[in-house]
Amino acid sequence: MSASAGKVVIAALVGNLLIALTKFGAALATGSSAMLSEGVHSLVDTGNQALMLLGMKRAQRPASAGFPFGHGKEIYFWSFMVALLLFGLGAGVSIWEGVWHLQHPAEMTRPAVAYAVLLASLVFEGVSFSIALKEFNKVRNGLGYLEAARRGKNPVFFVVLFEDSAAMLGLLAALAGVTLTHLTGSPIWDGLASIVIGLVLAATAIWLARETMGLLIGEGADKTVVEAIRSCAIAHPQIENINEIATLHMGPDFVVVNMSLDFSNQLKIGELESLVTRLTREIKAVDSSIKRVFIEAESREDHAHSTPALAD
């Protein structure tokens, strides 16, 4: 577990736990549906951070005979579980609570308590968001936020960042619902705010699930890394053709490279071994995440007949 990733998750976990307890107390005092939904939201977020910490810890387990490439992909599994939890509990409970509140409206009491808790929560969430944003900026390499999240291979940063973004939007929706209910005297606004919070959570969960699913199934390395690997091979005239370069992320910092190369028939066995050793060393130097390299000697014709073409 990297220090920066652990810092982001722990800060979010502590903040969400304190906020959840405060929101539930405020919901009990005011009877606000939106406040109750926000309490559920923060409680789910707390559970999500605990799952992320669990995933980061388990992903560090060393390789074994049963798992020769280690357990790095387990962080992807737990990130996907976070998305499911956010959708099933966070969004589901919030929408259900909002609909129930619309069907059974109840007067909101002590709105000042709700205002104080929501404003304080915005401050706490803002601190957590700023920490996550600062760490995410260090790894996005000048890309836009959505593009960096889409191309990123470490889900910890973008899961926490977008959870915090959803939390900020949810708080603003709750604040709007409480304010309108207070001003108009109609509890409908409070129920609608709860539904809006649920929809924000559902949209966030679906996006997170989509992004982590690709990593869980097995995404390849970034195109720039693949092209750098290709350049390493092209630089050797003894390689007549690069049949295929296949990469796979076994974790955020663990890439496996498999290459099919057509070597010159003039190479002797010793020369071939020396070339493969040198090329392997050069490929690992391309990116620190490249841990294992497998090179297969295969003629262009044999490879074309035995391997299906890759889709773009």
Foldseek 3Di string as FASTA:
>chain_A
DDPLLVVLLVLLLVLLVVLLVLLVVLCVVWVFLLSPLLSQLSVLSNVLSVLLVVQVVQQPDDADPVRNQGQQLSSLVSLLVSLVSLQVRNLVSLLVSLVVCLVVPDFTPDLVSVVVSLVVSLVSLVVSLVSLVVSLVVQQVPDDPVVSLLQAQANSSVSSNLSSVLSNVLSVLQVVLSVVCVVVVGNNSSSVSSNVSSVSSNVSSVVSNVSSVPLSVWDFHDPVLVVQLVVLVVVDPQFPDWQDWTWTDSHSQAIEIETETAGHPPDDPVRVVVVVVVSVVSSCVSGVSYDYYHYHHDHNVVCVVPDDDDDD
